[in-house]
């Protein structure tokens, strides 16, 4: 019987390397592919430390050689710049805080990459994401076994068609198991440090990246409290995000946090800890994994990658939107971020935070 063929997205890290190894061991015909998504031309002074480095590509190729599988380098620079980088900078310059990893998954890894896999005659694609897929007649996206590494949040926007052609081999393993298995196989990538930041932004310095990429200069504006009293000045609203405490440049008797950003007026609003905690917000552009809960239901909701899920009531409203209200107020509900709805370990659906109501 002909083997099922899988194209594995290989970043040069341990997780995707083990995804390839596991699939080969379980009988798949495996092809490795590294996506080149970020040209040195656009990386500025930090290009040697950006993603898609020659070292990463070389590491992925060495793993493929070790496993005895083919390896390709796929150039997706243009589509990545259009679908992810331009989106990222556009959102920031409108006063929102985006999560480009989610869009990259939907448009690039499970979009353009999936199409290339089909052109190569592959039945599936695979990545090193920590998540699981359950298919008991209805495809469901599930959290990984290792909750500290779970990435189901950044996969909420995938469609059923994308999910049914996807394999997550490491989702049922603990991270330490993955590293130990890689070491046992002689894959030196088990030693590599994990990336903690957005892949195309060096050292987490988003404002510097935005200024360099968009060619903009500092623009002074006011920092005000919720009553409109001017407390200080800033050099551009894009330097801030909701919940931010450090770097405000304000001497005050109590800690202050960014509670709102008005991009049009170049004004940053700050307040105390009670003002940054909210309960109610609107989520737009909903992607559903389950139909049964609508139009009103309760769920656990996650409002950013490292946020601990919290209980909330959800009500469907017009325009493919959801009115969400947490039982307990949560810190830094941020427009531009994703809100993902869970039933236990399973993703019900999710969307993008449009506005905060109170």
C-alpha atoms as a PDB file:
ATOM      1  CA  UNK A   1       0.000   0.000   0.000  1.00  0.00           C
ATOM      2  CA  UNK A   2       1.262   3.446  -0.906  1.00  0.00           C
ATOM      3  CA  UNK A   3       2.491   5.479   2.042  1.00  0.00           C
ATOM      4  CA  UNK A   4       0.756   8.715   2.959  1.00  0.00           C
ATOM      5  CA  UNK A   5       3.012  11.671   2.168  1.00  0.00           C
ATOM      6  CA  UNK A   6       3.502  14.592   4.578  1.00  0.00           C
ATOM      7  CA  UNK A   7       5.300  17.899   4.065  1.00  0.00           C
ATOM      8  CA  UNK A   8       6.762  19.038   7.388  1.00  0.00           C
ATOM      9  CA  UNK A   9       7.386  22.735   8.029  1.00  0.00           C
ATOM     10  CA  UNK A  10      10.878  22.688   9.510  1.00  0.00           C
ATOM     11  CA  UNK A  11      12.198  25.769  11.274  1.00  0.00           C
ATOM     12  CA  UNK A  12      15.486  24.243  12.351  1.00  0.00           C
ATOM     13  CA  UNK A  13      14.160  23.784  15.890  1.00  0.00           C
ATOM     14  CA  UNK A  14      13.624  20.652  17.949  1.00  0.00           C
ATOM     15  CA  UNK A  15       9.813  20.494  17.737  1.00  0.00           C
ATOM     16  CA  UNK A  16       9.471  20.478  13.950  1.00  0.00           C
ATOM     17  CA  UNK A  17      12.500  18.195  13.683  1.00  0.00           C
ATOM     18  CA  UNK A  18      10.838  15.643  15.947  1.00  0.00           C
ATOM     19  CA  UNK A  19       7.551  16.035  14.068  1.00  0.00           C
ATOM     20  CA  UNK A  20       9.394  14.831  10.968  1.00  0.00           C
ATOM     21  CA  UNK A  21      11.110  12.018  12.870  1.00  0.00           C
ATOM     22  CA  UNK A  22       7.865  10.775  14.446  1.00  0.00           C
ATOM     23  CA  UNK A  23       6.000  10.761  11.146  1.00  0.00           C
ATOM     24  CA  UNK A  24       8.769   8.847   9.405  1.00  0.00           C
ATOM     25  CA  UNK A  25       8.852   6.334  12.241  1.00  0.00           C
ATOM     26  CA  UNK A  26       5.094   5.797  12.012  1.00  0.00           C
ATOM     27  CA  UNK A  27       5.173   5.016   8.307  1.00  0.00           C
ATOM     28  CA  UNK A  28       4.695   8.291   6.449  1.00  0.00           C
ATOM     29  CA  UNK A  29       6.716   9.374   3.453  1.00  0.00           C
ATOM     30  CA  UNK A  30       8.151  12.596   4.849  1.00  0.00           C
ATOM     31  CA  UNK A  31       9.488  15.655   3.061  1.00  0.00           C
ATOM     32  CA  UNK A  32      11.021  18.519   5.020  1.00  0.00           C
ATOM     33  CA  UNK A  33      10.637  22.136   3.942  1.00  0.00           C
ATOM     34  CA  UNK A  34      11.911  25.364   5.468  1.00  0.00           C
ATOM     35  CA  UNK A  35      10.007  28.531   4.674  1.00  0.00           C
ATOM     36  CA  UNK A  36      12.109  31.577   3.847  1.00  0.00           C
ATOM     37  CA  UNK A  37       9.745  34.342   4.871  1.00  0.00           C
ATOM     38  CA  UNK A  38      11.868  37.320   5.762  1.00  0.00           C
ATOM     39  CA  UNK A  39      14.448  38.823   3.444  1.00  0.00           C
ATOM     40  CA  UNK A  40      17.646  40.372   4.745  1.00  0.00           C
ATOM     41  CA  UNK A  41      16.732  43.390   2.648  1.00  0.00           C
ATOM     42  CA  UNK A  42      14.029  44.240   5.186  1.00  0.00           C
ATOM     43  CA  UNK A  43      15.800  43.261   8.401  1.00  0.00           C
ATOM     44  CA  UNK A  44      17.843  46.432   8.755  1.00  0.00           C
ATOM     45  CA  UNK A  45      20.678  46.500  11.268  1.00  0.00           C
ATOM     46  CA  UNK A  46      19.504  43.281  12.940  1.00  0.00           C
ATOM     47  CA  UNK A  47      19.407  41.126   9.825  1.00  0.00           C
ATOM     48  CA  UNK A  48      22.030  38.684  11.143  1.00  0.00           C
ATOM     49  CA  UNK A  49      19.751  37.770  14.068  1.00  0.00           C
ATOM     50  CA  UNK A  50      16.458  37.679  12.211  1.00  0.00           C
ATOM     51  CA  UNK A  51      14.369  34.639  11.389  1.00  0.00           C
ATOM     52  CA  UNK A  52      15.089  32.454   8.366  1.00  0.00           C
ATOM     53  CA  UNK A  53      18.806  32.679   9.040  1.00  0.00           C
ATOM     54  CA  UNK A  54      21.227  30.527   7.113  1.00  0.00           C
ATOM     55  CA  UNK A  55      21.914  28.720  10.389  1.00  0.00           C
ATOM     56  CA  UNK A  56      18.248  27.743  10.781  1.00  0.00           C
ATOM     57  CA  UNK A  57      18.060  26.498   7.199  1.00  0.00           C
ATOM     58  CA  UNK A  58      21.304  24.567   7.651  1.00  0.00           C
ATOM     59  CA  UNK A  59      20.047  23.012  10.898  1.00  0.00           C
ATOM     60  CA  UNK A  60      16.854  21.858   9.191  1.00  0.00           C
ATOM     61  CA  UNK A  61      18.815  20.384   6.282  1.00  0.00           C
ATOM     62  CA  UNK A  62      21.123  18.494   8.657  1.00  0.00           C
ATOM     63  CA  UNK A  63      18.116  16.989  10.435  1.00  0.00           C
ATOM     64  CA  UNK A  64      16.638  15.900   7.104  1.00  0.00           C
ATOM     65  CA  UNK A  65      19.968  14.371   6.077  1.00  0.00           C
ATOM     66  CA  UNK A  66      20.093  12.550   9.408  1.00  0.00           C
ATOM     67  CA  UNK A  67      16.564  11.207   8.896  1.00  0.00           C
ATOM     68  CA  UNK A  68      17.176  10.339   5.252  1.00  0.00           C
ATOM     69  CA  UNK A  69      14.451  12.573   3.848  1.00  0.00           C
ATOM     70  CA  UNK A  70      14.329  15.295   1.214  1.00  0.00           C
ATOM     71  CA  UNK A  71      14.618  18.954   2.218  1.00  0.00           C
ATOM     72  CA  UNK A  72      13.440  22.021   0.313  1.00  0.00           C
ATOM     73  CA  UNK A  73      13.666  25.750   0.959  1.00  0.00           C
ATOM     74  CA  UNK A  74      10.453  27.557  -0.021  1.00  0.00           C
ATOM     75  CA  UNK A  75      10.568  31.293  -0.658  1.00  0.00           C
ATOM     76  CA  UNK A  76       7.424  32.921   0.750  1.00  0.00           C
ATOM     77  CA  UNK A  77       8.885  36.390   1.334  1.00  0.00           C
ATOM     78  CA  UNK A  78       6.397  38.339  -0.769  1.00  0.00           C
ATOM     79  CA  UNK A  79       3.248  36.739   0.620  1.00  0.00           C
ATOM     80  CA  UNK A  80       4.591  36.916   4.183  1.00  0.00           C
ATOM     81  CA  UNK A  81       5.368  40.606   3.848  1.00  0.00           C
ATOM     82  CA  UNK A  82       1.935  41.321   2.393  1.00  0.00           C
ATOM     83  CA  UNK A  83      -0.170  39.126   4.686  1.00  0.00           C
ATOM     84  CA  UNK A  84       1.762  39.365   7.961  1.00  0.00           C
ATOM     85  CA  UNK A  85       4.255  42.246   8.157  1.00  0.00           C
ATOM     86  CA  UNK A  86       1.981  44.824   6.564  1.00  0.00           C
ATOM     87  CA  UNK A  87      -0.888  43.664   8.798  1.00  0.00           C
ATOM     88  CA  UNK A  88       1.336  43.888  11.896  1.00  0.00           C
ATOM     89  CA  UNK A  89       2.473  47.448  11.221  1.00  0.00           C
ATOM     90  CA  UNK A  90      -0.979  48.580  10.081  1.00  0.00           C
ATOM     91  CA  UNK A  91      -2.577  47.351  13.306  1.00  0.00           C
ATOM     92  CA  UNK A  92       0.036  49.038  15.491  1.00  0.00           C
ATOM     93  CA  UNK A  93      -0.384  52.321  13.642  1.00  0.00           C
ATOM     94  CA  UNK A  94      -4.125  52.160  14.323  1.00  0.00           C
ATOM     95  CA  UNK A  95      -3.541  51.849  18.058  1.00  0.00           C
ATOM     96  CA  UNK A  96      -4.121  48.099  18.296  1.00  0.00           C
ATOM     97  CA  UNK A  97      -1.761  45.370  19.463  1.00  0.00           C
ATOM     98  CA  UNK A  98      -1.697  42.555  16.881  1.00  0.00           C
ATOM     99  CA  UNK A  99      -0.679  38.915  17.095  1.00  0.00           C
ATOM    100  CA  UNK A 100       1.044  38.218  13.763  1.00  0.00           C
ATOM    101  CA  UNK A 101       1.698  34.560  14.630  1.00  0.00           C
ATOM    102  CA  UNK A 102      -2.015  33.782  14.306  1.00  0.00           C
ATOM    103  CA  UNK A 103      -2.244  35.360  10.872  1.00  0.00           C
ATOM    104  CA  UNK A 104       0.984  33.668   9.812  1.00  0.00           C
ATOM    105  CA  UNK A 105      -0.537  30.318  10.735  1.00  0.00           C
ATOM    106  CA  UNK A 106      -3.738  30.942   8.796  1.00  0.00           C
ATOM    107  CA  UNK A 107      -2.258  32.596   5.715  1.00  0.00           C
ATOM    108  CA  UNK A 108       1.240  31.151   5.442  1.00  0.00           C
ATOM    109  CA  UNK A 109       1.830  27.866   7.299  1.00  0.00           C
ATOM    110  CA  UNK A 110      -1.652  26.486   6.743  1.00  0.00           C
ATOM    111  CA  UNK A 111      -2.339  28.521   3.611  1.00  0.00           C
ATOM    112  CA  UNK A 112       0.486  29.016   1.122  1.00  0.00           C
ATOM    113  CA  UNK A 113       2.506  26.135   2.595  1.00  0.00           C
ATOM    114  CA  UNK A 114      -0.492  23.794   2.380  1.00  0.00           C
ATOM    115  CA  UNK A 115      -1.006  24.710  -1.284  1.00  0.00           C
ATOM    116  CA  UNK A 116       2.650  23.948  -2.004  1.00  0.00           C
ATOM    117  CA  UNK A 117       2.256  20.610  -0.234  1.00  0.00           C
ATOM    118  CA  UNK A 118      -0.664  19.730  -2.482  1.00  0.00           C
ATOM    119  CA  UNK A 119       1.451  20.641  -5.525  1.00  0.00           C
ATOM    120  CA  UNK A 120       4.064  18.179  -4.252  1.00  0.00           C
ATOM    121  CA  UNK A 121       1.434  15.458  -4.023  1.00  0.00           C
ATOM    122  CA  UNK A 122       1.303  15.450  -0.231  1.00  0.00           C
ATOM    123  CA  UNK A 123      -1.706  14.176   1.690  1.00  0.00           C
ATOM    124  CA  UNK A 124      -0.887  16.184   4.824  1.00  0.00           C
ATOM    125  CA  UNK A 125       1.203  18.989   6.194  1.00  0.00           C
ATOM    126  CA  UNK A 126       2.765  18.864   9.633  1.00  0.00           C
ATOM    127  CA  UNK A 127       4.288  21.340  12.070  1.00  0.00           C
ATOM    128  CA  UNK A 128       5.884  21.265  15.496  1.00  0.00           C
ATOM    129  CA  UNK A 129       2.935  22.992  17.158  1.00  0.00           C
ATOM    130  CA  UNK A 130       1.852  21.790  20.582  1.00  0.00           C
ATOM    131  CA  UNK A 131      -1.814  21.021  19.915  1.00  0.00           C
ATOM    132  CA  UNK A 132      -3.982  18.007  19.139  1.00  0.00           C
ATOM    133  CA  UNK A 133      -6.704  17.196  16.630  1.00  0.00           C
ATOM    134  CA  UNK A 134      -9.582  14.895  17.467  1.00  0.00           C
ATOM    135  CA  UNK A 135     -11.670  13.386  14.692  1.00  0.00           C
ATOM    136  CA  UNK A 136     -14.681  11.415  15.870  1.00  0.00           C
ATOM    137  CA  UNK A 137     -16.814  12.396  12.924  1.00  0.00           C
ATOM    138  CA  UNK A 138     -16.347  16.072  13.707  1.00  0.00           C
ATOM    139  CA  UNK A 139     -12.895  17.650  13.660  1.00  0.00           C
ATOM    140  CA  UNK A 140     -11.969  19.360  16.919  1.00  0.00           C
ATOM    141  CA  UNK A 141      -8.891  21.332  17.923  1.00  0.00           C
ATOM    142  CA  UNK A 142      -7.618  20.339  21.364  1.00  0.00           C
ATOM    143  CA  UNK A 143      -4.962  21.613  23.755  1.00  0.00           C
ATOM    144  CA  UNK A 144      -1.669  19.739  23.930  1.00  0.00           C
ATOM    145  CA  UNK A 145      -0.752  17.326  26.708  1.00  0.00           C
ATOM    146  CA  UNK A 146       1.940  19.744  27.917  1.00  0.00           C
ATOM    147  CA  UNK A 147      -0.193  22.703  28.975  1.00  0.00           C
ATOM    148  CA  UNK A 148       2.863  24.915  29.526  1.00  0.00           C
ATOM    149  CA  UNK A 149       3.617  24.667  25.782  1.00  0.00           C
ATOM    150  CA  UNK A 150       0.061  24.561  24.405  1.00  0.00           C
ATOM    151  CA  UNK A 151      -0.366  26.530  21.162  1.00  0.00           C
ATOM    152  CA  UNK A 152      -4.058  25.934  20.420  1.00  0.00           C
ATOM    153  CA  UNK A 153      -4.636  29.660  21.028  1.00  0.00           C
ATOM    154  CA  UNK A 154      -2.618  30.667  17.958  1.00  0.00           C
ATOM    155  CA  UNK A 155      -4.372  28.051  15.811  1.00  0.00           C
ATOM    156  CA  UNK A 156      -7.973  29.125  16.459  1.00  0.00           C
ATOM    157  CA  UNK A 157      -8.374  30.807  13.049  1.00  0.00           C
ATOM    158  CA  UNK A 158      -7.744  27.648  11.023  1.00  0.00           C
ATOM    159  CA  UNK A 159     -10.612  26.242   8.994  1.00  0.00           C
ATOM    160  CA  UNK A 160     -11.846  22.667   9.098  1.00  0.00           C
ATOM    161  CA  UNK A 161     -10.402  22.129   5.615  1.00  0.00           C
ATOM    162  CA  UNK A 162      -6.991  23.212   6.893  1.00  0.00           C
ATOM    163  CA  UNK A 163      -7.234  21.111  10.053  1.00  0.00           C
ATOM    164  CA  UNK A 164      -8.240  17.890   8.289  1.00  0.00           C
ATOM    165  CA  UNK A 165      -5.025  18.015   6.252  1.00  0.00           C
ATOM    166  CA  UNK A 166      -2.801  18.713   9.274  1.00  0.00           C
ATOM    167  CA  UNK A 167      -0.791  16.523  11.650  1.00  0.00           C
ATOM    168  CA  UNK A 168       0.573  17.642  15.045  1.00  0.00           C
ATOM    169  CA  UNK A 169       2.918  14.792  16.082  1.00  0.00           C
ATOM    170  CA  UNK A 170       4.343  16.459  19.216  1.00  0.00           C
ATOM    171  CA  UNK A 171       0.987  17.582  20.616  1.00  0.00           C
ATOM    172  CA  UNK A 172       0.645  14.401  22.632  1.00  0.00           C
ATOM    173  CA  UNK A 173       4.108  14.711  24.181  1.00  0.00           C
ATOM    174  CA  UNK A 174       5.761  16.734  26.913  1.00  0.00           C
ATOM    175  CA  UNK A 175       8.496  19.131  25.838  1.00  0.00           C
ATOM    176  CA  UNK A 176      11.153  17.251  27.790  1.00  0.00           C
ATOM    177  CA  UNK A 177      10.124  14.042  26.007  1.00  0.00           C
ATOM    178  CA  UNK A 178      10.571  15.771  22.663  1.00  0.00           C
ATOM    179  CA  UNK A 179      14.050  17.025  23.561  1.00  0.00           C
ATOM    180  CA  UNK A 180      15.092  13.668  25.001  1.00  0.00           C
ATOM    181  CA  UNK A 181      13.928  11.844  21.871  1.00  0.00           C
ATOM    182  CA  UNK A 182      15.829  14.276  19.640  1.00  0.00           C
ATOM    183  CA  UNK A 183      18.986  13.744  21.677  1.00  0.00           C
ATOM    184  CA  UNK A 184      18.572   9.970  21.427  1.00  0.00           C
ATOM    185  CA  UNK A 185      18.272  10.253  17.639  1.00  0.00           C
ATOM    186  CA  UNK A 186      21.426  12.359  17.469  1.00  0.00           C
ATOM    187  CA  UNK A 187      19.609  15.521  16.387  1.00  0.00           C
ATOM    188  CA  UNK A 188      21.706  18.331  17.832  1.00  0.00           C
ATOM    189  CA  UNK A 189      18.829  20.797  17.559  1.00  0.00           C
ATOM    190  CA  UNK A 190      17.712  19.556  20.988  1.00  0.00           C
ATOM    191  CA  UNK A 191      20.269  22.033  22.368  1.00  0.00           C
ATOM    192  CA  UNK A 192      18.830  25.100  20.614  1.00  0.00           C
ATOM    193  CA  UNK A 193      17.148  27.789  22.659  1.00  0.00           C
ATOM    194  CA  UNK A 194      13.474  28.435  22.011  1.00  0.00           C
ATOM    195  CA  UNK A 195      12.416  31.651  20.337  1.00  0.00           C
ATOM    196  CA  UNK A 196      10.297  33.756  22.693  1.00  0.00           C
ATOM    197  CA  UNK A 197       9.568  36.744  20.488  1.00  0.00           C
ATOM    198  CA  UNK A 198       7.905  37.484  17.161  1.00  0.00           C
ATOM    199  CA  UNK A 199      10.278  35.950  14.637  1.00  0.00           C
ATOM    200  CA  UNK A 200      10.873  39.065  12.529  1.00  0.00           C
ATOM    201  CA  UNK A 201      11.329  41.548  15.410  1.00  0.00           C
ATOM    202  CA  UNK A 202      14.728  41.590  17.054  1.00  0.00           C
ATOM    203  CA  UNK A 203      14.825  41.573  20.863  1.00  0.00           C
ATOM    204  CA  UNK A 204      11.130  42.433  21.193  1.00  0.00           C
ATOM    205  CA  UNK A 205      11.675  46.042  20.124  1.00  0.00           C
ATOM    206  CA  UNK A 206       8.432  46.473  18.190  1.00  0.00           C
ATOM    207  CA  UNK A 207       8.464  50.303  18.091  1.00  0.00           C
ATOM    208  CA  UNK A 208      11.950  50.332  16.561  1.00  0.00           C
ATOM    209  CA  UNK A 209      10.894  47.802  13.952  1.00  0.00           C
ATOM    210  CA  UNK A 210       7.757  49.773  13.063  1.00  0.00           C
ATOM    211  CA  UNK A 211       9.699  53.022  12.698  1.00  0.00           C
ATOM    212  CA  UNK A 212      12.352  51.378  10.541  1.00  0.00           C
ATOM    213  CA  UNK A 213       9.956  49.372   8.362  1.00  0.00           C
ATOM    214  CA  UNK A 214       7.406  52.169   7.869  1.00  0.00           C
ATOM    215  CA  UNK A 215       9.918  55.012   7.691  1.00  0.00           C
ATOM    216  CA  UNK A 216       8.188  57.078  10.383  1.00  0.00           C
ATOM    217  CA  UNK A 217       9.684  59.484  12.904  1.00  0.00           C
ATOM    218  CA  UNK A 218       8.927  60.260  16.527  1.00  0.00           C
ATOM    219  CA  UNK A 219       5.737  62.245  17.006  1.00  0.00           C
ATOM    220  CA  UNK A 220       5.111  63.907  20.350  1.00  0.00           C
ATOM    221  CA  UNK A 221       1.746  63.451  22.014  1.00  0.00           C
ATOM    222  CA  UNK A 222       0.173  63.641  25.442  1.00  0.00           C
ATOM    223  CA  UNK A 223      -0.103  61.068  28.179  1.00  0.00           C
ATOM    224  CA  UNK A 224      -3.311  61.760  30.098  1.00  0.00           C
ATOM    225  CA  UNK A 225      -5.294  60.190  32.915  1.00  0.00           C
ATOM    226  CA  UNK A 226      -8.865  58.942  32.524  1.00  0.00           C
ATOM    227  CA  UNK A 227     -10.122  62.399  33.482  1.00  0.00           C
ATOM    228  CA  UNK A 228      -8.172  64.060  30.662  1.00  0.00           C
ATOM    229  CA  UNK A 229      -5.461  65.637  32.840  1.00  0.00           C
ATOM    230  CA  UNK A 230      -2.105  65.803  31.040  1.00  0.00           C
ATOM    231  CA  UNK A 231       0.571  63.924  32.997  1.00  0.00           C
ATOM    232  CA  UNK A 232       3.391  63.902  30.474  1.00  0.00           C
ATOM    233  CA  UNK A 233       4.487  63.503  26.859  1.00  0.00           C
ATOM    234  CA  UNK A 234       5.458  60.586  24.632  1.00  0.00           C
ATOM    235  CA  UNK A 235       7.216  60.180  21.258  1.00  0.00           C
ATOM    236  CA  UNK A 236       4.523  58.182  19.464  1.00  0.00           C
ATOM    237  CA  UNK A 237       1.523  56.110  20.521  1.00  0.00           C
ATOM    238  CA  UNK A 238       2.949  53.037  18.740  1.00  0.00           C
ATOM    239  CA  UNK A 239       5.463  52.760  21.603  1.00  0.00           C
ATOM    240  CA  UNK A 240       2.688  51.576  23.935  1.00  0.00           C
ATOM    241  CA  UNK A 241       0.270  48.715  24.483  1.00  0.00           C
ATOM    242  CA  UNK A 242      -2.626  48.167  26.865  1.00  0.00           C
ATOM    243  CA  UNK A 243      -1.483  47.159  30.347  1.00  0.00           C
ATOM    244  CA  UNK A 244       2.036  48.530  29.878  1.00  0.00           C
ATOM    245  CA  UNK A 245       3.601  49.893  33.062  1.00  0.00           C
ATOM    246  CA  UNK A 246       7.285  50.345  32.297  1.00  0.00           C
ATOM    247  CA  UNK A 247       8.665  53.083  30.090  1.00  0.00           C
ATOM    248  CA  UNK A 248       5.898  55.639  30.653  1.00  0.00           C
ATOM    249  CA  UNK A 249       8.345  58.304  31.805  1.00  0.00           C
ATOM    250  CA  UNK A 250       5.943  59.606  34.454  1.00  0.00           C
ATOM    251  CA  UNK A 251       6.691  60.163  38.134  1.00  0.00           C
ATOM    252  CA  UNK A 252       3.529  59.394  40.099  1.00  0.00           C
ATOM    253  CA  UNK A 253       2.557  58.456  43.647  1.00  0.00           C
ATOM    254  CA  UNK A 254       1.124  55.110  42.499  1.00  0.00           C
ATOM    255  CA  UNK A 255       1.854  52.704  39.627  1.00  0.00           C
ATOM    256  CA  UNK A 256       0.229  53.709  36.338  1.00  0.00           C
ATOM    257  CA  UNK A 257      -0.740  51.510  33.400  1.00  0.00           C
ATOM    258  CA  UNK A 258      -1.758  52.191  29.814  1.00  0.00           C
ATOM    259  CA  UNK A 259      -5.549  51.777  29.714  1.00  0.00           C
ATOM    260  CA  UNK A 260      -6.382  53.169  26.259  1.00  0.00           C
ATOM    261  CA  UNK A 261      -4.671  54.339  23.060  1.00  0.00           C
ATOM    262  CA  UNK A 262      -6.182  56.965  20.752  1.00  0.00           C
ATOM    263  CA  UNK A 263      -4.173  56.674  17.537  1.00  0.00           C
ATOM    264  CA  UNK A 264      -6.051  59.443  15.742  1.00  0.00           C
ATOM    265  CA  UNK A 265      -5.222  61.991  18.448  1.00  0.00           C
ATOM    266  CA  UNK A 266      -1.827  60.470  19.286  1.00  0.00           C
ATOM    267  CA  UNK A 267      -2.906  60.291  22.924  1.00  0.00           C
ATOM    268  CA  UNK A 268      -2.107  57.617  25.487  1.00  0.00           C
ATOM    269  CA  UNK A 269      -4.419  57.202  28.488  1.00  0.00           C
ATOM    270  CA  UNK A 270      -3.125  55.835  31.788  1.00  0.00           C
ATOM    271  CA  UNK A 271      -4.749  54.777  35.036  1.00  0.00           C
ATOM    272  CA  UNK A 272      -4.218  52.694  38.155  1.00  0.00           C
ATOM    273  CA  UNK A 273      -4.467  48.912  38.381  1.00  0.00           C
ATOM    274  CA  UNK A 274      -8.238  48.963  38.840  1.00  0.00           C
ATOM    275  CA  UNK A 275      -8.685  50.851  35.561  1.00  0.00           C
ATOM    276  CA  UNK A 276      -6.727  48.313  33.520  1.00  0.00           C
ATOM    277  CA  UNK A 277      -8.953  45.447  34.711  1.00  0.00           C
ATOM    278  CA  UNK A 278     -12.154  45.012  32.691  1.00  0.00           C
ATOM    279  CA  UNK A 279     -14.924  42.456  32.244  1.00  0.00           C
ATOM    280  CA  UNK A 280     -16.768  43.119  29.010  1.00  0.00           C
ATOM    281  CA  UNK A 281     -15.579  43.359  25.415  1.00  0.00           C
ATOM    282  CA  UNK A 282     -16.623  42.703  21.819  1.00  0.00           C
ATOM    283  CA  UNK A 283     -14.997  40.083  19.600  1.00  0.00           C
ATOM    284  CA  UNK A 284     -15.300  40.252  15.790  1.00  0.00           C
ATOM    285  CA  UNK A 285     -14.665  37.970  12.796  1.00  0.00           C
ATOM    286  CA  UNK A 286     -15.549  34.784  14.659  1.00  0.00           C
ATOM    287  CA  UNK A 287     -14.203  31.453  13.442  1.00  0.00           C
ATOM    288  CA  UNK A 288     -16.243  28.533  14.825  1.00  0.00           C
ATOM    289  CA  UNK A 289     -15.043  25.004  15.519  1.00  0.00           C
ATOM    290  CA  UNK A 290     -18.326  24.026  17.140  1.00  0.00           C
ATOM    291  CA  UNK A 291     -21.887  24.997  16.276  1.00  0.00           C
ATOM    292  CA  UNK A 292     -23.804  23.667  19.254  1.00  0.00           C
ATOM    293  CA  UNK A 293     -23.068  26.434  21.788  1.00  0.00           C
ATOM    294  CA  UNK A 294     -24.594  29.346  19.880  1.00  0.00           C
ATOM    295  CA  UNK A 295     -26.193  31.848  20.254  1.00  0.00           C
ATOM    296  CA  UNK A 296     -25.609  32.263  24.033  1.00  0.00           C
ATOM    297  CA  UNK A 297     -23.355  30.081  26.149  1.00  0.00           C
ATOM    298  CA  UNK A 298     -20.649  29.984  28.792  1.00  0.00           C
ATOM    299  CA  UNK A 299     -17.033  29.164  28.067  1.00  0.00           C
ATOM    300  CA  UNK A 300     -13.478  29.586  29.248  1.00  0.00           C
ATOM    301  CA  UNK A 301     -11.895  32.477  27.359  1.00  0.00           C
ATOM    302  CA  UNK A 302      -8.239  33.259  26.703  1.00  0.00           C
ATOM    303  CA  UNK A 303      -7.351  36.831  25.673  1.00  0.00           C
ATOM    304  CA  UNK A 304      -3.636  36.458  24.906  1.00  0.00           C
ATOM    305  CA  UNK A 305      -1.118  33.671  24.512  1.00  0.00           C
ATOM    306  CA  UNK A 306       0.089  33.562  28.127  1.00  0.00           C
ATOM    307  CA  UNK A 307      -3.279  34.426  29.700  1.00  0.00           C
ATOM    308  CA  UNK A 308      -4.849  31.854  32.007  1.00  0.00           C
ATOM    309  CA  UNK A 309      -8.302  30.965  30.699  1.00  0.00           C
ATOM    310  CA  UNK A 310     -11.154  32.579  32.636  1.00  0.00           C
ATOM    311  CA  UNK A 311     -14.884  31.857  32.773  1.00  0.00           C
ATOM    312  CA  UNK A 312     -17.176  34.129  30.791  1.00  0.00           C
ATOM    313  CA  UNK A 313     -20.649  34.394  29.321  1.00  0.00           C
ATOM    314  CA  UNK A 314     -20.862  34.849  25.552  1.00  0.00           C
ATOM    315  CA  UNK A 315     -23.689  36.185  23.443  1.00  0.00           C
ATOM    316  CA  UNK A 316     -23.794  36.247  19.670  1.00  0.00           C
ATOM    317  CA  UNK A 317     -24.611  39.670  18.194  1.00  0.00           C
ATOM    318  CA  UNK A 318     -24.960  40.986  14.655  1.00  0.00           C
ATOM    319  CA  UNK A 319     -22.054  41.175  12.250  1.00  0.00           C
ATOM    320  CA  UNK A 320     -20.418  37.847  13.211  1.00  0.00           C
ATOM    321  CA  UNK A 321     -19.465  39.234  16.595  1.00  0.00           C
ATOM    322  CA  UNK A 322     -19.624  38.044  20.202  1.00  0.00           C
ATOM    323  CA  UNK A 323     -20.334  40.083  23.335  1.00  0.00           C
ATOM    324  CA  UNK A 324     -18.104  38.587  26.037  1.00  0.00           C
ATOM    325  CA  UNK A 325     -18.357  39.230  29.771  1.00  0.00           C
ATOM    326  CA  UNK A 326     -15.930  37.658  32.211  1.00  0.00           C
ATOM    327  CA  UNK A 327     -17.174  36.523  35.607  1.00  0.00           C
ATOM    328  CA  UNK A 328     -14.124  38.209  37.147  1.00  0.00           C
ATOM    329  CA  UNK A 329     -12.403  41.284  35.705  1.00  0.00           C
ATOM    330  CA  UNK A 330      -9.250  40.516  33.706  1.00  0.00           C
ATOM    331  CA  UNK A 331      -6.137  42.594  33.217  1.00  0.00           C
ATOM    332  CA  UNK A 332      -5.311  44.293  29.918  1.00  0.00           C
ATOM    333  CA  UNK A 333      -8.064  43.224  27.518  1.00  0.00           C
ATOM    334  CA  UNK A 334      -6.406  44.526  24.368  1.00  0.00           C
ATOM    335  CA  UNK A 335      -7.959  45.483  21.005  1.00  0.00           C
ATOM    336  CA  UNK A 336      -6.151  43.670  18.210  1.00  0.00           C
ATOM    337  CA  UNK A 337      -5.425  40.555  20.238  1.00  0.00           C
ATOM    338  CA  UNK A 338      -7.323  37.299  19.790  1.00  0.00           C
ATOM    339  CA  UNK A 339      -9.957  35.972  22.177  1.00  0.00           C
ATOM    340  CA  UNK A 340     -10.306  32.199  22.010  1.00  0.00           C
ATOM    341  CA  UNK A 341     -13.225  30.254  23.489  1.00  0.00           C
ATOM    342  CA  UNK A 342     -12.745  26.844  25.112  1.00  0.00           C
ATOM    343  CA  UNK A 343     -14.894  23.997  26.370  1.00  0.00           C
ATOM    344  CA  UNK A 344     -12.412  22.296  28.669  1.00  0.00           C
ATOM    345  CA  UNK A 345      -9.465  21.343  26.458  1.00  0.00           C
ATOM    346  CA  UNK A 346     -11.336  21.913  23.205  1.00  0.00           C
ATOM    347  CA  UNK A 347     -11.402  25.092  21.124  1.00  0.00           C
ATOM    348  CA  UNK A 348     -14.977  26.200  20.417  1.00  0.00           C
ATOM    349  CA  UNK A 349     -13.969  29.194  18.322  1.00  0.00           C
ATOM    350  CA  UNK A 350     -12.457  32.631  18.574  1.00  0.00           C
ATOM    351  CA  UNK A 351     -12.019  36.029  17.005  1.00  0.00           C
ATOM    352  CA  UNK A 352     -10.339  39.405  17.333  1.00  0.00           C
ATOM    353  CA  UNK A 353     -10.934  41.832  20.189  1.00  0.00           C
ATOM    354  CA  UNK A 354     -12.632  44.838  18.629  1.00  0.00           C
ATOM    355  CA  UNK A 355     -13.409  47.044  21.625  1.00  0.00           C
ATOM    356  CA  UNK A 356     -13.578  47.021  25.415  1.00  0.00           C
ATOM    357  CA  UNK A 357     -16.850  48.016  27.050  1.00  0.00           C
ATOM    358  CA  UNK A 358     -16.156  48.035  30.779  1.00  0.00           C
END
